[in-house]
Amino acid sequence: MKVAQVNCVFDNGFTDPEALLERYTTLTGWSEALVAAGAAPVTVVQRFHRSLRLTKHDVEYIFVEDGGPCHPSPWRASRAVARAVAALSPDVAHVNGLEFPMQVRQLRSVLPPASAIVVQNHAGGGGVGRAPALRILWRAARRSVDGFLFAAEEHVHAWRRAGVIAPRQPAYLVMEASTTFQPLPRASAVQASGLTGMPAVLWVGRLDANKDPLTVVDGFERALPALPGASLTMIFGTDELLPDVRHRIETSSALRGRVRLVGEVPHAQLPAFYSAADLFIVGSHREGSGYALMEACACGAVPAVTDIPTFRLLTADGSLGALWTAGDAIDCGRALVQLGQSDLAARRAQVADHFARTLSWPAVGRRALDIYAEVLKKRGA
């Protein structure tokens, strides 16, 4: 099966294409997973500020310069991108992002009739209701699409309600990303990370209102009477709420000495933290994918996360850990106690095994090829 991925956005801060690909791990990971699953050839058409070609790990990358902005508007269509994709005569053209209806429409006009087009969502569904222009453009372009890809059923419903997806138009569930992280030996992970506690609870994420660290800290405090040996380690890059979090810790005798604020950690060092943790916690109100949760699960950290669509998918509806209501510190504390008093060694092994079987890059690649095959079958019917 010949597959062409189409990426309409690029980071203008990168002048070196190799560096851009190093940053776009989801793009490269998905493409390489397709190759591993048996697709050939797999090609990526990537907009960029200069044109060139390179091949990495059996994937060809065609960089296309078209003079347009790094993030084009929904009504813009690049003829140069369309020509590059059409020249490949792919069985499937896979467009990343639901922000480019006119590009999709132009692709349909130049691709062979037998070629199928799938469009993958990368941004949840909460904002589509506030984007009337995008909705209007998609109603003109949606007939060009053979299938839409989403991470969660709730995201499908949001885009269908907005009229972007027609009532009978196919939408398929597949995780949009994965990770190459794997569990490390626990003793060496504990030594490298410094994580201690029974249980050792880990936070990795921004200190912002959406991730809601204050509710997590409150919930952790509520769990301490039942989990007197627990610790909470917080890794974060952006720190909008750091003063509030620090004040909350410093003014609580229960939290002082129990919460460790680490700050930013190089990405390559995170597997040690995930592998040393018993529980992974985050308080997100909204997520498109949940990369940190994916990484944590890959390394066996048991999730105590909010009950939102993407997290339900990643945790098998909470069966791999515990889900709690966003913004509810009491429910957060309940989830921590429930997991902290369980057989954590068995749970860690279950989480890592489930991830490898259903959410790893090989699993994502196999699922993607199955979807492509079904889309092609329907198109040829």
Protein backbone atom coordinates (compact mmCIF):
# COMPACT_ATOMS: atom_id res chain seq x y z
CA MET A 1 0.00 0.00 0.00
CA LYS A 2 1.38 3.40 -1.03
CA VAL A 3 0.80 6.04 1.65
CA ALA A 4 1.47 9.78 1.50
CA GLN A 5 1.26 11.82 4.68
CA VAL A 6 0.56 15.52 4.16
CA ASN A 7 1.72 18.01 6.78
CA CYS A 8 0.62 21.57 6.07
CA VAL A 9 2.18 23.26 9.11
CA PHE A 10 5.84 23.82 9.91
CA ASP A 11 7.77 25.52 12.68
CA ASN A 12 9.42 28.62 11.20
CA GLY A 13 12.08 28.50 13.90
CA PHE A 14 13.79 25.57 12.20
CA THR A 15 16.03 26.10 9.19
CA ASP A 16 17.41 22.55 9.12
CA PRO A 17 14.97 19.87 7.90
CA GLU A 18 16.68 17.20 10.00
CA ALA A 19 16.08 19.31 13.11
CA LEU A 20 12.44 19.78 12.13
CA LEU A 21 11.97 16.02 11.88
CA GLU A 22 13.65 15.54 15.24
CA ARG A 23 11.00 17.84 16.68
CA TYR A 24 8.08 16.23 14.83
CA THR A 25 8.24 12.86 16.57
CA THR A 26 4.57 12.10 15.94
CA LEU A 27 4.99 12.62 12.19
CA THR A 28 8.11 10.46 11.97
CA GLY A 29 6.82 7.89 14.45
CA TRP A 30 3.56 7.38 12.56
CA SER A 31 5.39 7.09 9.23
CA GLU A 32 7.92 4.59 10.53
CA ALA A 33 5.14 2.58 12.19
CA LEU A 34 3.41 2.30 8.81
CA VAL A 35 6.61 0.97 7.25
CA ALA A 36 7.00 -1.55 10.07
CA ALA A 37 3.39 -2.65 9.56
CA GLY A 38 4.02 -3.35 5.87
CA ALA A 39 3.14 -0.17 3.97
CA ALA A 40 5.47 0.71 1.09
CA PRO A 41 6.41 3.19 -0.01
CA VAL A 42 5.61 5.69 2.75
CA THR A 43 6.22 9.32 1.83
CA VAL A 44 5.71 12.55 3.77
CA VAL A 45 4.97 15.79 1.93
CA GLN A 46 5.95 18.51 4.39
CA ARG A 47 5.56 22.25 3.78
CA PHE A 48 8.78 24.11 4.59
CA HIS A 49 10.61 27.31 3.71
CA ARG A 50 12.79 25.50 1.15
CA SER A 51 12.34 22.52 -1.13
CA LEU A 52 14.42 19.35 -0.80
CA ARG A 53 14.16 15.59 -0.35
CA LEU A 54 15.67 13.22 2.17
CA THR A 55 15.11 9.66 3.32
CA LYS A 56 15.21 8.42 6.92
CA HIS A 57 14.34 4.96 8.20
CA ASP A 58 12.77 3.95 4.86
CA VAL A 59 10.50 7.00 4.77
CA GLU A 60 10.98 9.64 2.06
CA TYR A 61 10.38 13.24 3.12
CA ILE A 62 9.54 15.74 0.39
CA PHE A 63 9.87 19.29 1.69
CA VAL A 64 7.85 21.78 -0.35
CA GLU A 65 8.38 25.56 -0.39
CA ASP A 66 5.28 27.41 -1.60
CA GLY A 67 5.84 30.94 -0.28
CA GLY A 68 2.99 30.70 2.20
CA PRO A 69 2.89 31.20 5.97
CA CYS A 70 4.06 28.45 8.31
CA HIS A 71 0.48 27.92 9.51
CA PRO A 72 -1.88 28.48 6.57
CA SER A 73 -5.47 29.63 6.97
CA PRO A 74 -8.36 27.18 6.44
CA TRP A 75 -9.24 28.70 3.07
CA ARG A 76 -5.70 28.46 1.67
CA ALA A 77 -4.65 25.60 -0.62
CA SER A 78 -1.09 25.04 -1.77
CA ARG A 79 -0.85 23.97 -5.41
CA ALA A 80 2.76 22.95 -4.86
CA VAL A 81 1.73 20.56 -2.08
CA ALA A 82 -1.11 19.15 -4.18
CA ARG A 83 1.22 18.57 -7.14
CA ALA A 84 3.79 16.83 -4.95
CA VAL A 85 1.17 14.47 -3.51
CA ALA A 86 -0.45 13.79 -6.89
CA ALA A 87 2.93 12.87 -8.39
CA LEU A 88 3.14 10.00 -5.91
CA SER A 89 -0.21 8.46 -6.98
CA PRO A 90 -0.74 7.16 -3.44
CA ASP A 91 -3.34 4.61 -2.48
CA VAL A 92 -4.02 6.75 0.58
CA ALA A 93 -3.31 10.43 1.21
CA HIS A 94 -3.32 11.09 4.95
CA VAL A 95 -3.77 14.77 5.85
CA ASN A 96 -2.76 15.84 9.35
CA GLY A 97 -5.11 18.31 10.99
CA LEU A 98 -8.72 19.36 10.45
CA GLU A 99 -7.76 22.98 9.81
CA PHE A 100 -7.18 22.68 6.05
CA PRO A 101 -10.45 21.94 4.21
CA MET A 102 -9.49 23.76 1.02
CA GLN A 103 -6.19 21.88 0.81
CA VAL A 104 -8.13 18.63 1.12
CA ARG A 105 -10.56 19.72 -1.59
CA GLN A 106 -7.69 20.58 -3.92
CA LEU A 107 -6.03 17.23 -3.25
CA ARG A 108 -9.21 15.45 -4.28
CA SER A 109 -9.24 17.37 -7.57
CA VAL A 110 -5.72 16.24 -8.55
CA LEU A 111 -5.47 12.72 -7.11
CA PRO A 112 -6.41 9.64 -9.14
CA PRO A 113 -10.03 8.54 -8.58
CA ALA A 114 -8.87 5.35 -6.85
CA SER A 115 -6.85 7.26 -4.23
CA ALA A 116 -8.50 7.64 -0.83
CA ILE A 117 -8.14 10.65 1.46
CA VAL A 118 -8.21 10.42 5.25
CA VAL A 119 -7.96 13.41 7.57
CA GLN A 120 -6.70 13.07 11.14
CA ASN A 121 -7.74 15.26 14.03
CA HIS A 122 -4.98 16.48 16.34
CA ALA A 123 -6.83 18.98 18.54
CA GLY A 124 -9.77 17.41 20.36
CA GLY A 125 -13.12 18.94 19.50
CA GLY A 126 -13.83 21.72 21.95
CA GLY A 127 -13.04 24.64 19.64
CA VAL A 128 -14.90 23.69 16.48
CA GLY A 129 -18.18 25.16 17.68
CA ARG A 130 -16.50 28.57 17.89
CA ALA A 131 -15.10 28.44 14.33
CA PRO A 132 -17.97 29.26 11.94
CA ALA A 133 -15.72 29.89 8.92
CA LEU A 134 -14.02 26.51 9.33
CA ARG A 135 -17.40 24.79 9.59
CA ILE A 136 -18.67 26.46 6.41
CA LEU A 137 -15.52 25.55 4.47
CA TRP A 138 -15.68 21.94 5.61
CA ARG A 139 -19.26 21.60 4.45
CA ALA A 140 -17.97 22.44 0.99
CA ALA A 141 -14.98 20.10 1.28
CA ARG A 142 -16.14 17.12 3.33
CA ARG A 143 -17.23 15.09 0.30
CA SER A 144 -13.54 14.91 -0.62
CA VAL A 145 -12.81 12.85 2.50
CA ASP A 146 -13.16 9.07 2.66
CA GLY A 147 -12.59 8.82 6.40
CA PHE A 148 -11.77 10.90 9.47
CA LEU A 149 -9.42 9.70 12.22
CA PHE A 150 -9.93 10.60 15.88
CA ALA A 151 -8.50 9.55 19.23
CA ALA A 152 -11.85 9.44 21.06
CA GLU A 153 -15.52 9.00 20.20
CA GLU A 154 -16.44 12.21 22.02
CA HIS A 155 -14.22 14.17 19.63
CA VAL A 156 -16.04 12.59 16.68
CA HIS A 157 -19.39 13.71 18.11
CA ALA A 158 -18.18 17.32 18.47
CA TRP A 159 -17.07 17.58 14.84
CA ARG A 160 -20.16 15.76 13.60
CA ARG A 161 -22.44 18.12 15.53
CA ALA A 162 -20.59 21.04 13.93
CA GLY A 163 -21.39 19.68 10.47
CA VAL A 164 -17.77 19.02 9.53
CA ILE A 165 -18.47 15.29 9.26
CA ALA A 166 -21.63 14.23 7.44
CA PRO A 167 -24.09 12.00 9.36
CA ARG A 168 -23.12 8.81 7.48
CA GLN A 169 -19.49 9.70 6.80
CA PRO A 170 -16.99 7.20 8.29
CA ALA A 171 -14.92 8.17 11.33
CA TYR A 172 -12.38 5.78 12.84
CA LEU A 173 -10.74 5.62 16.25
CA VAL A 174 -6.96 5.39 16.46
CA MET A 175 -4.50 6.99 18.84
CA GLU A 176 -2.80 9.89 17.09
CA ALA A 177 0.63 9.30 18.61
CA SER A 178 2.73 7.00 20.74
CA THR A 179 6.19 6.93 22.26
CA THR A 180 9.37 4.91 22.04
CA PHE A 181 9.84 5.03 25.84
CA GLN A 182 10.17 1.65 27.56
CA PRO A 183 10.32 0.65 31.24
CA LEU A 184 13.74 0.82 32.87
CA PRO A 185 14.89 -1.50 35.68
CA ARG A 186 13.19 -0.10 38.75
CA ALA A 187 16.21 0.05 41.04
CA SER A 188 18.32 2.00 38.54
CA ALA A 189 15.35 4.25 37.73
CA VAL A 190 14.88 5.11 41.40
CA GLN A 191 18.57 5.87 41.76
CA ALA A 192 18.64 8.08 38.64
CA SER A 193 15.44 9.98 39.43
CA GLY A 194 15.58 10.23 43.19
CA LEU A 195 11.91 9.28 43.45
CA THR A 196 10.96 7.93 46.85
CA GLY A 197 7.72 7.32 48.68
CA MET A 198 5.15 4.60 49.18
CA PRO A 199 3.56 5.27 46.82
CA ALA A 200 5.76 7.55 44.72
CA VAL A 201 3.40 9.85 42.81
CA LEU A 202 4.62 11.71 39.71
CA TRP A 203 3.30 14.77 37.90
CA VAL A 204 4.66 15.73 34.45
CA GLY A 205 2.98 18.70 32.82
CA ARG A 206 2.57 22.45 32.65
CA LEU A 207 1.63 24.33 35.77
CA ASP A 208 -1.37 26.01 34.17
CA ALA A 209 -5.11 26.24 34.71
CA ASN A 210 -5.94 23.43 32.30
CA LYS A 211 -3.59 20.93 33.95
CA ASP A 212 -4.87 22.20 37.32
CA PRO A 213 -1.96 21.47 39.67
CA LEU A 214 -3.68 23.12 42.64
CA THR A 215 -6.49 20.57 42.59
CA VAL A 216 -3.89 17.79 42.37
CA VAL A 217 -1.93 19.15 45.33
CA ASP A 218 -5.17 19.49 47.32
CA GLY A 219 -6.16 15.93 46.40
CA PHE A 220 -2.73 14.63 47.36
CA GLU A 221 -3.01 16.32 50.76
CA ARG A 222 -6.41 14.68 51.30
CA ALA A 223 -4.89 11.27 50.54
CA LEU A 224 -2.02 11.58 53.02
CA PRO A 225 -3.86 10.33 56.13
CA ALA A 226 -4.49 7.03 54.32
CA LEU A 227 -1.09 7.05 52.55
CA PRO A 228 1.33 8.44 55.17
CA GLY A 229 4.42 7.35 53.20
CA ALA A 230 3.39 8.96 49.92
CA SER A 231 5.43 11.56 48.03
CA LEU A 232 4.58 13.79 45.07
CA THR A 233 7.25 14.81 42.54
CA MET A 234 6.31 17.55 40.07
CA ILE A 235 8.14 18.01 36.76
CA PHE A 236 7.11 20.99 34.68
CA GLY A 237 8.26 23.33 31.92
CA THR A 238 5.91 26.30 31.88
CA ASP A 239 5.18 27.51 35.39
CA GLU A 240 2.36 30.06 35.34
CA LEU A 241 0.94 28.72 38.60
CA LEU A 242 4.26 27.93 40.31
CA PRO A 243 3.92 30.75 42.89
CA ASP A 244 0.44 29.49 43.84
CA VAL A 245 1.59 25.88 44.02
CA ARG A 246 4.62 26.80 46.10
CA HIS A 247 2.48 28.90 48.47
CA ARG A 248 0.01 26.03 48.86
CA ILE A 249 2.82 23.65 49.82
CA GLU A 250 4.60 26.05 52.16
CA THR A 251 1.43 26.84 54.10
CA SER A 252 0.57 23.17 54.74
CA SER A 253 2.41 21.20 57.40
CA ALA A 254 1.16 18.01 55.75
CA LEU A 255 2.59 18.90 52.33
CA ARG A 256 5.95 20.33 53.37
CA GLY A 257 8.56 17.64 52.84
CA ARG A 258 6.12 15.53 50.83
CA VAL A 259 6.05 17.51 47.57
CA ARG A 260 9.20 17.94 45.48
CA LEU A 261 9.17 20.66 42.81
CA VAL A 262 11.75 19.58 40.22
CA GLY A 263 11.00 21.91 37.31
CA GLU A 264 12.14 21.06 33.79
CA VAL A 265 13.84 17.75 33.02
CA PRO A 266 15.43 16.84 29.65
CA HIS A 267 13.05 14.63 27.71
CA ALA A 268 15.58 11.81 27.41
CA GLN A 269 15.75 11.56 31.22
CA LEU A 270 12.01 11.17 31.75
CA PRO A 271 11.90 7.35 31.42
CA ALA A 272 13.79 7.08 34.71
CA PHE A 273 11.14 9.18 36.48
CA TYR A 274 8.23 7.33 34.89
CA SER A 275 9.80 3.93 35.64
CA ALA A 276 10.46 4.84 39.28
CA ALA A 277 6.95 6.17 39.87
CA ASP A 278 4.13 4.08 41.28
CA LEU A 279 1.39 6.49 40.21
CA PHE A 280 1.15 9.14 37.50
CA ILE A 281 -1.22 12.02 38.12
CA VAL A 282 -2.44 15.00 36.13
CA GLY A 283 -5.54 17.19 36.49
CA SER A 284 -6.26 18.11 32.87
CA HIS A 285 -9.68 19.51 31.99
CA ARG A 286 -9.03 19.03 28.24
CA GLU A 287 -6.47 17.12 26.17
CA GLY A 288 -6.13 16.27 22.50
CA SER A 289 -3.86 13.29 23.08
CA GLY A 290 -2.03 13.29 26.40
CA TYR A 291 1.61 12.68 25.52
CA ALA A 292 2.87 12.62 29.10
CA LEU A 293 0.25 10.04 30.05
CA MET A 294 1.27 7.89 27.08
CA GLU A 295 4.91 8.05 28.15
CA ALA A 296 4.00 7.23 31.74
CA CYS A 297 1.91 4.21 30.73
CA ALA A 298 4.66 2.98 28.40
CA CYS A 299 6.97 2.84 31.42
CA GLY A 300 4.39 1.23 33.70
CA ALA A 301 3.36 4.14 35.93
CA VAL A 302 -0.24 3.56 37.06
CA PRO A 303 -2.52 6.43 35.95
CA ALA A 304 -4.64 8.45 38.38
CA VAL A 305 -5.97 10.95 35.86
CA THR A 306 -9.05 12.97 35.09
CA ASP A 307 -12.14 11.49 33.49
CA ILE A 308 -11.84 13.09 30.03
CA PRO A 309 -12.23 11.41 26.62
CA THR A 310 -8.58 10.91 25.68
CA PHE A 311 -7.63 9.68 29.13
CA ARG A 312 -10.50 7.20 29.10
CA LEU A 313 -9.10 5.79 25.87
CA LEU A 314 -5.53 5.59 27.18
CA THR A 315 -6.57 3.93 30.45
CA ALA A 316 -9.09 1.46 28.97
CA ASP A 317 -11.96 3.36 30.60
CA GLY A 318 -10.04 3.58 33.85
CA SER A 319 -9.49 -0.15 34.23
CA LEU A 320 -5.71 0.35 34.20
CA GLY A 321 -5.80 2.86 37.04
CA ALA A 322 -8.38 5.30 38.37
CA LEU A 323 -10.28 8.21 36.83
CA TRP A 324 -11.42 11.22 38.81
CA THR A 325 -13.54 14.27 38.12
CA ALA A 326 -11.58 17.29 36.86
CA GLY A 327 -11.47 20.08 39.42
CA ASP A 328 -12.61 17.82 42.28
CA ALA A 329 -9.91 17.48 44.95
CA ILE A 330 -11.99 15.05 47.00
CA ASP A 331 -12.34 12.70 44.04
CA CYS A 332 -8.64 13.11 43.27
CA GLY A 333 -7.77 12.05 46.80
CA ARG A 334 -10.12 9.07 46.54
CA ALA A 335 -8.38 7.89 43.35
CA LEU A 336 -4.94 8.17 44.95
CA VAL A 337 -6.02 6.20 48.01
CA GLN A 338 -7.74 3.54 45.91
CA LEU A 339 -4.61 2.93 43.86
CA GLY A 340 -2.10 3.50 46.64
CA GLN A 341 -3.65 0.72 48.72
CA SER A 342 -3.70 -1.78 45.83
CA ASP A 343 -1.05 -4.20 44.51
CA LEU A 344 1.03 -1.61 42.67
CA ALA A 345 3.64 -4.02 41.32
CA ALA A 346 0.93 -6.03 39.57
CA ARG A 347 -0.74 -2.85 38.32
CA ARG A 348 2.53 -1.48 36.90
CA ALA A 349 3.09 -4.69 34.95
CA GLN A 350 -0.51 -4.61 33.66
CA VAL A 351 -0.19 -1.00 32.48
CA ALA A 352 3.09 -1.59 30.64
CA ASP A 353 1.76 -4.77 28.99
CA HIS A 354 -1.47 -3.07 27.86
CA PHE A 355 0.47 -0.18 26.36
CA ALA A 356 2.80 -2.47 24.42
CA ARG A 357 -0.12 -4.47 23.01
CA THR A 358 -2.54 -1.67 22.12
CA LEU A 359 -0.93 1.78 22.23
CA SER A 360 2.70 1.35 21.15
CA TRP A 361 3.88 2.53 17.74
CA PRO A 362 3.68 -1.02 16.28
CA ALA A 363 0.06 -1.27 17.49
CA VAL A 364 -0.78 2.18 16.09
CA GLY A 365 0.80 1.29 12.74
CA ARG A 366 -1.21 -1.92 12.45
CA ARG A 367 -4.43 -0.12 13.35
CA ALA A 368 -3.73 2.63 10.80
CA LEU A 369 -3.16 0.13 8.00
CA ASP A 370 -6.40 -1.67 8.90
CA ILE A 371 -8.25 1.66 8.64
CA TYR A 372 -6.62 2.51 5.32
CA ALA A 373 -7.59 -0.90 3.92
CA GLU A 374 -11.21 -0.44 4.99
CA VAL A 375 -11.34 3.07 3.50
CA LEU A 376 -9.92 1.82 0.20
CA LYS A 377 -12.40 -1.05 0.12
CA LYS A 378 -15.32 1.33 0.62
CA ARG A 379 -14.00 3.72 -1.99
CA GLY A 380 -13.72 0.93 -4.54
CA ALA A 381 -17.15 -0.49 -3.76
